[in-house]
Amino acid sequence: MKAKDEKGAMHNHQPEEEDGAFAELRRRVRTSEVLSSALQKLLERVHFTGRISVVVQNGRILKSGYEEGYFTRRHEERMIP
């Protein structure tokens, strides 16, 4: 399969490579390996609780954002055994 990059150059992409890469992406999302360790440490340091969203288009981050306070105190209490 041939595809153009952002400069218009043609590249050969093997379907097996793409399948393997997509399988790795799915595995990392499933195991919550989507943030860099530096960002995870920063979230811990500020005790962030909420949602982080990322919109990706053609392999590049198009937009990102966060919602603080997504989890309520009542919800947190239900999670404690």
N, C-alpha and C. Protein backbone atom coordinates (compact mmCIF):
# COMPACT_ATOMS: atom_id res chain seq x y z
N MET A 1 0.85 -1.18 0.00
CA MET A 1 0.00 0.00 0.00
C MET A 1 0.90 1.24 0.00
N LYS A 2 0.60 2.20 -0.86
CA LYS A 2 1.37 3.43 -0.91
C LYS A 2 0.54 4.56 -0.31
N ALA A 3 1.23 5.45 0.37
CA ALA A 3 0.55 6.59 0.98
C ALA A 3 1.45 7.82 0.86
N LYS A 4 0.84 8.98 0.79
CA LYS A 4 1.60 10.23 0.74
C LYS A 4 1.78 10.78 2.14
N ASP A 5 2.98 11.29 2.41
CA ASP A 5 3.18 11.97 3.68
C ASP A 5 2.76 13.43 3.51
N GLU A 6 2.96 14.24 4.54
CA GLU A 6 2.47 15.62 4.48
C GLU A 6 3.20 16.46 3.44
N LYS A 7 4.38 16.01 2.97
CA LYS A 7 5.11 16.73 1.93
C LYS A 7 4.76 16.21 0.54
N GLY A 8 3.89 15.20 0.47
CA GLY A 8 3.47 14.67 -0.81
C GLY A 8 4.31 13.53 -1.32
N ALA A 9 5.33 13.10 -0.58
CA ALA A 9 6.19 12.00 -1.01
C ALA A 9 5.45 10.67 -0.81
N MET A 10 5.67 9.75 -1.75
CA MET A 10 5.03 8.44 -1.67
C MET A 10 5.88 7.50 -0.82
N HIS A 11 5.22 6.70 0.02
CA HIS A 11 5.90 5.72 0.87
C HIS A 11 5.16 4.40 0.77
N ASN A 12 5.93 3.32 0.85
CA ASN A 12 5.33 1.98 0.89
C ASN A 12 5.03 1.62 2.34
N HIS A 13 3.82 1.17 2.60
CA HIS A 13 3.43 0.70 3.93
C HIS A 13 2.95 -0.72 3.80
N GLN A 14 3.53 -1.61 4.56
CA GLN A 14 3.12 -3.00 4.53
C GLN A 14 1.91 -3.18 5.44
N PRO A 15 0.87 -3.85 4.97
CA PRO A 15 -0.32 -4.08 5.80
C PRO A 15 0.01 -4.79 7.11
N GLU A 16 1.00 -5.70 7.08
CA GLU A 16 1.38 -6.42 8.30
C GLU A 16 1.96 -5.46 9.35
N GLU A 17 2.77 -4.50 8.89
CA GLU A 17 3.34 -3.51 9.80
C GLU A 17 2.25 -2.66 10.42
N GLU A 18 1.28 -2.24 9.59
CA GLU A 18 0.18 -1.42 10.10
C GLU A 18 -0.67 -2.21 11.09
N ASP A 19 -0.93 -3.48 10.78
CA ASP A 19 -1.71 -4.32 11.69
C ASP A 19 -0.99 -4.46 13.03
N GLY A 20 0.33 -4.68 12.98
CA GLY A 20 1.11 -4.83 14.21
C GLY A 20 1.14 -3.54 15.02
N ALA A 21 1.28 -2.42 14.33
CA ALA A 21 1.30 -1.13 15.01
C ALA A 21 -0.05 -0.83 15.65
N PHE A 22 -1.14 -1.15 14.94
CA PHE A 22 -2.47 -0.89 15.51
C PHE A 22 -2.73 -1.81 16.70
N ALA A 23 -2.25 -3.06 16.63
CA ALA A 23 -2.39 -3.98 17.76
C ALA A 23 -1.64 -3.44 18.98
N GLU A 24 -0.46 -2.87 18.75
CA GLU A 24 0.32 -2.28 19.85
C GLU A 24 -0.41 -1.06 20.42
N LEU A 25 -1.01 -0.24 19.57
CA LEU A 25 -1.80 0.90 20.04
C LEU A 25 -2.95 0.44 20.92
N ARG A 26 -3.70 -0.57 20.46
CA ARG A 26 -4.82 -1.10 21.25
C ARG A 26 -4.34 -1.64 22.59
N ARG A 27 -3.21 -2.36 22.59
CA ARG A 27 -2.68 -2.92 23.83
C ARG A 27 -2.33 -1.81 24.82
N ARG A 28 -1.67 -0.77 24.33
CA ARG A 28 -1.27 0.32 25.23
C ARG A 28 -2.47 1.09 25.78
N VAL A 29 -3.49 1.29 24.97
CA VAL A 29 -4.70 1.97 25.45
C VAL A 29 -5.38 1.10 26.50
N ARG A 30 -5.48 -0.21 26.22
CA ARG A 30 -6.13 -1.14 27.16
C ARG A 30 -5.41 -1.19 28.51
N THR A 31 -4.07 -1.09 28.49
CA THR A 31 -3.31 -1.17 29.73
C THR A 31 -2.98 0.21 30.32
N SER A 32 -3.66 1.23 29.82
CA SER A 32 -3.51 2.61 30.31
C SER A 32 -2.09 3.15 30.17
N GLU A 33 -1.42 2.79 29.10
CA GLU A 33 -0.07 3.30 28.82
C GLU A 33 -0.12 4.40 27.78
N VAL A 34 -0.99 5.39 27.98
CA VAL A 34 -1.18 6.42 26.96
C VAL A 34 -0.53 7.75 27.31
N LEU A 35 -0.08 7.91 28.53
CA LEU A 35 0.57 9.16 28.94
C LEU A 35 2.04 8.91 29.22
N SER A 36 2.85 9.91 28.97
CA SER A 36 4.27 9.79 29.30
C SER A 36 4.42 9.72 30.82
N SER A 37 5.52 9.14 31.27
CA SER A 37 5.73 9.05 32.71
C SER A 37 5.87 10.43 33.34
N ALA A 38 6.42 11.39 32.60
CA ALA A 38 6.55 12.76 33.12
C ALA A 38 5.17 13.37 33.38
N LEU A 39 4.22 13.16 32.46
CA LEU A 39 2.88 13.70 32.65
C LEU A 39 2.16 12.98 33.78
N GLN A 40 2.35 11.68 33.90
CA GLN A 40 1.74 10.93 35.00
C GLN A 40 2.25 11.44 36.34
N LYS A 41 3.55 11.71 36.44
CA LYS A 41 4.12 12.23 37.69
C LYS A 41 3.56 13.61 38.00
N LEU A 42 3.39 14.44 36.98
CA LEU A 42 2.82 15.78 37.18
C LEU A 42 1.38 15.69 37.67
N LEU A 43 0.59 14.78 37.10
CA LEU A 43 -0.79 14.59 37.55
C LEU A 43 -0.84 14.14 39.00
N GLU A 44 0.06 13.26 39.39
CA GLU A 44 0.13 12.83 40.80
C GLU A 44 0.52 13.98 41.70
N ARG A 45 1.49 14.79 41.25
CA ARG A 45 1.99 15.90 42.08
C ARG A 45 0.90 16.93 42.36
N VAL A 46 0.02 17.17 41.39
CA VAL A 46 -1.05 18.16 41.61
C VAL A 46 -2.34 17.51 42.08
N HIS A 47 -2.30 16.18 42.30
CA HIS A 47 -3.47 15.42 42.76
C HIS A 47 -4.66 15.63 41.81
N PHE A 48 -4.38 15.58 40.51
CA PHE A 48 -5.42 15.81 39.51
C PHE A 48 -6.45 14.69 39.53
N THR A 49 -7.71 15.06 39.53
CA THR A 49 -8.82 14.13 39.40
C THR A 49 -9.73 14.70 38.32
N GLY A 50 -9.97 13.94 37.30
CA GLY A 50 -10.81 14.41 36.21
C GLY A 50 -10.56 13.62 34.95
N ARG A 51 -10.94 14.20 33.84
CA ARG A 51 -10.77 13.57 32.53
C ARG A 51 -9.76 14.35 31.71
N ILE A 52 -8.96 13.62 30.96
CA ILE A 52 -8.07 14.22 29.97
C ILE A 52 -8.50 13.65 28.63
N SER A 53 -8.71 14.51 27.65
CA SER A 53 -9.12 14.02 26.33
C SER A 53 -8.12 14.50 25.28
N VAL A 54 -7.90 13.65 24.30
CA VAL A 54 -6.98 13.95 23.21
C VAL A 54 -7.66 13.57 21.91
N VAL A 55 -7.64 14.48 20.94
CA VAL A 55 -8.18 14.21 19.62
C VAL A 55 -7.00 14.10 18.67
N VAL A 56 -6.93 12.95 17.97
CA VAL A 56 -5.81 12.69 17.06
C VAL A 56 -6.33 12.59 15.64
N GLN A 57 -5.63 13.23 14.71
CA GLN A 57 -5.98 13.15 13.30
C GLN A 57 -4.71 12.86 12.51
N ASN A 58 -4.74 11.77 11.74
CA ASN A 58 -3.59 11.36 10.93
C ASN A 58 -2.32 11.24 11.76
N GLY A 59 -2.45 10.71 12.97
CA GLY A 59 -1.29 10.47 13.82
C GLY A 59 -0.78 11.67 14.58
N ARG A 60 -1.42 12.81 14.45
CA ARG A 60 -0.98 14.03 15.15
C ARG A 60 -2.07 14.50 16.11
N ILE A 61 -1.64 15.04 17.23
CA ILE A 61 -2.60 15.57 18.20
C ILE A 61 -3.21 16.84 17.63
N LEU A 62 -4.52 16.81 17.47
CA LEU A 62 -5.25 17.94 16.91
C LEU A 62 -5.72 18.87 18.02
N LYS A 63 -6.13 18.27 19.14
CA LYS A 63 -6.71 19.06 20.22
C LYS A 63 -6.60 18.24 21.51
N SER A 64 -6.41 18.89 22.63
CA SER A 64 -6.44 18.20 23.91
C SER A 64 -7.09 19.11 24.94
N GLY A 65 -7.58 18.50 26.00
CA GLY A 65 -8.23 19.28 27.04
C GLY A 65 -8.42 18.46 28.29
N TYR A 66 -8.95 19.08 29.32
CA TYR A 66 -9.19 18.37 30.57
C TYR A 66 -10.43 18.90 31.25
N GLU A 67 -11.02 18.05 32.07
CA GLU A 67 -12.17 18.42 32.91
C GLU A 67 -11.80 18.09 34.34
N GLU A 68 -11.78 19.08 35.19
CA GLU A 68 -11.50 18.83 36.60
C GLU A 68 -12.78 18.45 37.31
N GLY A 69 -12.64 17.72 38.40
CA GLY A 69 -13.77 17.40 39.25
C GLY A 69 -14.79 16.50 38.60
N TYR A 70 -14.36 15.64 37.69
CA TYR A 70 -15.30 14.73 37.03
C TYR A 70 -15.91 13.76 38.04
N PHE A 71 -15.10 13.30 38.96
CA PHE A 71 -15.58 12.36 39.98
C PHE A 71 -16.05 13.15 41.18
N THR A 72 -17.23 12.82 41.67
CA THR A 72 -17.76 13.52 42.83
C THR A 72 -17.28 12.84 44.11
N ARG A 73 -17.36 13.52 45.22
CA ARG A 73 -16.97 12.95 46.50
C ARG A 73 -17.86 11.75 46.82
N ARG A 74 -19.14 11.85 46.51
CA ARG A 74 -20.06 10.74 46.78
C ARG A 74 -19.64 9.50 46.00
N HIS A 75 -19.23 9.69 44.76
CA HIS A 75 -18.78 8.58 43.92
C HIS A 75 -17.51 7.95 44.50
N GLU A 76 -16.57 8.79 44.98
CA GLU A 76 -15.33 8.28 45.55
C GLU A 76 -15.62 7.42 46.79
N GLU A 77 -16.58 7.84 47.62
CA GLU A 77 -16.91 7.10 48.84
C GLU A 77 -17.45 5.71 48.50
N ARG A 78 -18.21 5.61 47.40
CA ARG A 78 -18.75 4.30 47.00
C ARG A 78 -17.65 3.36 46.56
N MET A 79 -16.53 3.92 46.07
CA MET A 79 -15.46 3.07 45.58
C MET A 79 -14.60 2.51 46.72
N ILE A 80 -14.67 3.11 47.90
CA ILE A 80 -13.88 2.66 49.04
C ILE A 80 -14.55 1.45 49.66
N PRO A 81 -13.80 0.33 49.81
CA PRO A 81 -14.42 -0.88 50.40
C PRO A 81 -14.76 -0.72 51.88
